[in-house]
Protein backbone atom coordinates (compact mmCIF):
# COMPACT_ATOMS: atom_id res chain seq x y z
CA SER A 1 7.20 3.54 -9.90
CA TRP A 2 3.72 2.84 -9.20
CA LEU A 3 5.05 1.37 -5.84
CA ALA A 4 6.68 3.23 -2.93
CA CYS A 5 8.00 0.04 -1.12
CA ARG A 6 6.64 -3.23 -1.83
CA THR A 7 6.97 -5.81 0.93
CA ARG A 8 5.64 -8.67 -1.20
CA ARG A 9 9.08 -9.11 -3.18
CA ASP A 10 7.80 -11.89 -5.12
CA SER A 11 5.78 -9.41 -7.36
CA LEU A 12 7.75 -6.56 -6.87
CA GLU A 13 9.82 -7.33 -10.21
CA SER A 14 7.08 -7.83 -12.53
CA ARG A 15 5.16 -4.45 -11.26
CA CYS A 16 8.30 -2.25 -11.21
CA LEU A 17 9.30 -3.33 -14.68
CA GLY A 18 5.92 -2.85 -16.07
CA THR A 19 5.31 0.68 -15.35
CA ARG A 20 5.22 3.56 -17.61
CA TRP A 21 8.50 4.91 -16.36
CA GLY A 22 10.02 2.56 -18.90
CA PHE A 23 13.04 1.39 -17.02
CA MET A 24 13.26 -1.87 -18.83
CA ASN A 25 11.72 -0.75 -22.22
CA ARG A 26 14.68 -1.71 -24.19
CA ALA A 27 16.03 -4.64 -25.96
CA LYS A 28 19.08 -5.17 -23.67
CA PRO A 29 18.71 -3.87 -20.01
CA LEU A 30 21.92 -1.74 -18.91
CA LEU A 31 21.54 -3.76 -15.44
CA PRO A 32 20.55 -7.02 -14.65
CA VAL A 33 16.93 -7.37 -13.63
CA GLY A 34 17.43 -8.06 -10.07
CA ALA A 35 19.78 -5.21 -9.82
CA VAL A 36 17.14 -2.75 -11.30
CA VAL A 37 14.55 -4.11 -8.92
CA GLY A 38 16.91 -3.53 -5.95
CA LEU A 39 17.63 0.04 -7.12
CA LEU A 40 13.81 0.74 -7.50
CA LEU A 41 13.07 -0.47 -4.02
CA VAL A 42 15.82 1.38 -2.18
CA ALA A 43 14.82 4.70 -4.14
CA ALA A 44 11.09 4.03 -3.48
CA CYS A 45 11.52 3.41 0.42
CA ALA A 46 13.87 6.43 0.87
CA PRO A 47 12.28 9.42 2.69
CA ASP A 48 13.07 11.83 0.09
CA TYR A 49 11.54 9.79 -2.61
CA GLN A 50 9.32 11.61 -5.13
CA PRO A 51 7.91 10.67 -8.44
CA LYS A 52 7.53 13.12 -10.94
CA VAL A 53 4.39 15.09 -11.24
CA GLU A 54 3.69 14.58 -15.01
CA SER A 55 2.97 17.73 -16.88
CA ARG A 56 0.02 17.00 -19.34
CA PRO A 57 -3.28 18.54 -20.62
CA THR A 58 -6.14 18.56 -17.76
CA GLN A 59 -9.28 16.85 -18.00
CA GLY A 60 -10.88 17.69 -14.58
CA PRO A 61 -11.65 20.42 -12.07
CA ALA A 62 -8.18 21.80 -12.32
CA THR A 63 -9.16 25.23 -13.42
CA ALA A 64 -10.23 28.11 -11.02
CA LEU A 65 -10.35 31.75 -10.84
CA SER A 66 -6.98 33.51 -10.14
CA GLY A 67 -6.04 33.27 -6.43
CA GLU A 68 -8.43 30.56 -5.74
CA THR A 69 -7.50 27.17 -4.22
CA ALA A 70 -8.97 23.78 -4.59
CA THR A 71 -8.98 20.69 -2.33
CA ALA A 72 -8.59 16.79 -2.78
CA VAL A 73 -8.55 14.19 -0.01
CA PHE A 74 -6.48 11.03 -0.49
CA ALA A 75 -6.06 8.07 2.05
CA GLY A 76 -2.61 6.50 1.24
CA GLY A 77 -1.76 4.49 4.38
CA CYS A 78 0.15 6.31 7.15
CA PHE A 79 -0.85 9.77 6.76
CA TRP A 80 2.65 11.05 7.95
CA CYS A 81 3.94 9.67 4.85
CA THR A 82 1.11 10.84 2.46
CA GLU A 83 1.31 14.18 3.85
CA ALA A 84 4.93 14.54 3.51
CA ASP A 85 4.74 13.34 -0.17
CA PHE A 86 2.10 15.75 -1.12
CA GLU A 87 3.88 18.79 0.51
CA LYS A 88 6.71 18.06 -1.84
CA VAL A 89 4.64 18.85 -4.94
CA PRO A 90 4.93 22.22 -6.61
CA GLY A 91 1.43 23.89 -6.45
CA VAL A 92 0.55 22.26 -3.22
CA VAL A 93 -0.46 24.92 -0.40
CA SER A 94 -0.86 22.54 2.32
CA ALA A 95 -1.58 18.84 3.30
CA VAL A 96 -3.30 18.25 6.49
CA SER A 97 -3.50 14.74 8.04
CA GLY A 98 -6.74 13.51 9.44
CA TYR A 99 -9.39 10.83 9.55
CA THR A 100 -12.56 10.45 7.04
CA GLY A 101 -14.70 7.71 5.52
CA GLY A 102 -16.11 6.28 9.17
CA THR A 103 -18.99 6.68 11.32
CA LEU A 104 -17.71 8.15 14.61
CA LYS A 105 -17.65 12.06 14.82
CA ALA A 106 -14.36 13.80 15.78
CA PRO A 107 -12.37 10.43 16.58
CA SER A 108 -9.08 10.19 18.18
CA TYR A 109 -5.99 8.49 16.84
CA GLU A 110 -6.37 5.61 19.43
CA GLN A 111 -10.15 5.17 18.22
CA VAL A 112 -9.19 5.04 14.86
CA SER A 113 -6.15 2.88 15.00
CA SER A 114 -7.90 0.52 17.25
CA GLY A 115 -10.41 -0.41 14.51
CA GLY A 116 -14.02 -0.27 14.15
CA THR A 117 -14.96 3.22 13.24
CA GLY A 118 -14.45 2.76 9.56
CA HIS A 119 -12.29 5.70 9.34
CA TYR A 120 -9.23 6.18 7.01
CA GLU A 121 -5.96 7.72 7.90
CA ALA A 122 -6.24 10.57 5.13
CA VAL A 123 -4.68 13.80 4.03
CA LYS A 124 -6.56 16.96 2.63
CA VAL A 125 -4.64 18.69 0.09
CA THR A 126 -5.19 22.29 -0.79
CA PHE A 127 -3.51 23.41 -4.13
CA ASP A 128 -3.39 25.95 -6.65
CA PRO A 129 -5.00 24.75 -9.86
CA GLU A 130 -3.18 27.15 -11.66
CA ARG A 131 0.21 25.18 -11.03
CA VAL A 132 -0.93 21.75 -10.36
CA SER A 133 -4.03 19.95 -11.57
CA TYR A 134 -6.36 17.31 -9.86
CA GLU A 135 -5.40 14.73 -12.56
CA GLN A 136 -1.87 15.38 -11.86
CA LEU A 137 -2.46 14.89 -8.12
CA ALA A 138 -4.40 11.70 -8.57
CA ASP A 139 -1.87 10.26 -10.89
CA TYR A 140 0.74 11.35 -8.31
CA PHE A 141 -1.29 9.40 -5.46
CA PHE A 142 -1.25 6.23 -7.40
CA ARG A 143 2.48 6.54 -7.81
CA THR A 144 3.15 6.74 -3.97
CA VAL A 145 1.05 3.76 -2.98
CA ASP A 146 0.34 0.10 -3.48
CA PRO A 147 -3.02 0.26 -5.01
CA THR A 148 -3.39 -3.50 -5.09
CA ASP A 149 -3.15 -3.84 -1.23
CA ALA A 150 -6.63 -4.35 0.54
CA GLY A 151 -5.16 -4.91 4.07
CA GLY A 152 -3.10 -1.73 4.53
CA GLN A 153 0.03 -0.31 3.25
CA PHE A 154 3.55 -1.81 3.58
CA CYS A 155 4.41 -2.25 7.15
CA ASP A 156 1.23 -0.57 8.32
CA ARG A 157 -1.63 -3.18 8.39
CA GLY A 158 -5.50 -2.53 9.20
CA ASP A 159 -8.47 -0.95 8.03
CA SER A 160 -7.26 2.58 8.93
CA TYR A 161 -4.34 2.22 6.53
CA ARG A 162 -6.19 1.19 3.36
CA THR A 163 -5.95 3.62 0.34
CA ALA A 164 -9.07 5.44 -1.05
CA ILE A 165 -9.91 8.65 -2.99
CA PHE A 166 -12.52 10.86 -1.69
CA VAL A 167 -14.06 12.82 -4.35
CA GLU A 168 -16.11 15.94 -4.28
CA GLY A 169 -18.56 16.06 -7.42
CA ALA A 170 -18.85 14.33 -10.52
CA GLU A 171 -15.63 15.89 -12.23
CA GLN A 172 -13.13 14.80 -9.59
CA ARG A 173 -14.98 11.37 -9.73
CA GLN A 174 -14.36 11.24 -13.42
CA VAL A 175 -10.69 12.05 -13.13
CA ALA A 176 -10.09 9.88 -10.12
CA GLU A 177 -11.70 6.75 -12.27
CA ALA A 178 -9.68 7.57 -15.11
CA GLU A 179 -6.57 7.67 -12.97
CA LYS A 180 -7.39 4.19 -11.41
CA ALA A 181 -8.12 2.57 -14.86
CA GLU A 182 -4.61 3.76 -16.08
CA ALA A 183 -2.93 2.12 -13.02
CA ASP A 184 -4.99 -0.93 -13.41
CA THR A 185 -3.53 -1.21 -17.09
CA ALA A 186 -0.10 -0.61 -15.89
CA LEU A 187 -0.04 -3.33 -12.92
CA SER A 188 -0.65 -7.08 -13.09
CA ASP A 189 -2.91 -7.11 -10.13
CA ASP A 190 -6.37 -5.79 -9.48
CA ILE A 191 -6.46 -2.04 -8.09
CA VAL A 192 -8.47 -2.39 -4.79
CA THR A 193 -8.31 1.53 -4.19
CA PRO A 194 -12.00 2.50 -4.17
CA ILE A 195 -13.20 6.00 -5.43
CA LEU A 196 -15.61 7.12 -2.51
CA PRO A 197 -17.80 10.10 -2.08
CA ALA A 198 -16.33 12.93 0.13
CA ALA A 199 -17.15 12.66 3.78
CA PRO A 200 -16.56 14.71 6.90
CA PHE A 201 -12.98 15.18 7.38
CA TYR A 202 -11.69 15.47 10.93
CA GLU A 203 -8.35 17.00 11.49
CA ALA A 204 -5.73 14.76 13.26
CA GLU A 205 -4.42 15.70 16.63
CA ALA A 206 -1.45 18.52 16.31
CA TYR A 207 1.29 16.18 17.06
CA HIS A 208 0.31 14.26 13.76
CA GLN A 209 0.51 17.30 11.81
CA ASP A 210 3.90 17.76 9.81
CA TYR A 211 5.45 14.94 11.79
CA TYR A 212 8.11 14.64 9.06
CA LYS A 213 9.39 18.17 10.01
CA LYS A 214 9.17 17.95 13.83
CA ASN A 215 10.39 14.48 14.19
CA SER A 216 12.59 14.24 11.02
CA LEU A 217 14.92 11.70 12.67
CA LYS A 218 12.32 9.40 13.84
CA TYR A 219 10.43 9.75 10.59
CA ARG A 220 13.34 8.94 8.43
CA PHE A 221 13.98 5.78 10.65
CA TYR A 222 10.14 4.77 10.13
CA ARG A 223 10.08 5.40 6.41
CA THR A 224 13.24 3.32 5.64
């Protein structure tokens, strides 16, 4: 599913069933539509939910010399969740929570969450391009967020929880724009996730890093 956990249930059904996962691309569905949507919602909201990272030829900046890594920055709402999602991906070396896109230097969590800084909660992903491509990561990102929501993500509301992809150079921009266009084709509502130039990235406080590992019970309760 393109959606991790839609709160607007009135439009969940049409989006979930219209994606390229093809759950309902058959003449006679195996389950009633309502049941399928319910199953999708439960699966998507689970803390262990992970859409498949599709294997396909790369188009963008996925090649590098042996032993080198590359980075990508994604804002997907709460960085606890975005970090946890990306660290599940084979080929991802690390995912670091932080703040980017705003005007305040070295902001604190309290400053960002209170609004007015322009910063997004974001994650800097370091990955091995020989194992996973930037294209695959961008595709994966769009499948773990609601890119049609301009006011935040799911239960987290406010500017700091908006979605965005921060790109470094023309190649990343080309790939990110292509994945955005593909998501726009798959969903009925307009995609509001902007593709923005890379900005200074400030690491979040230590207690935010690997929150899903350090506070697994609280994290699972939050995410479900």
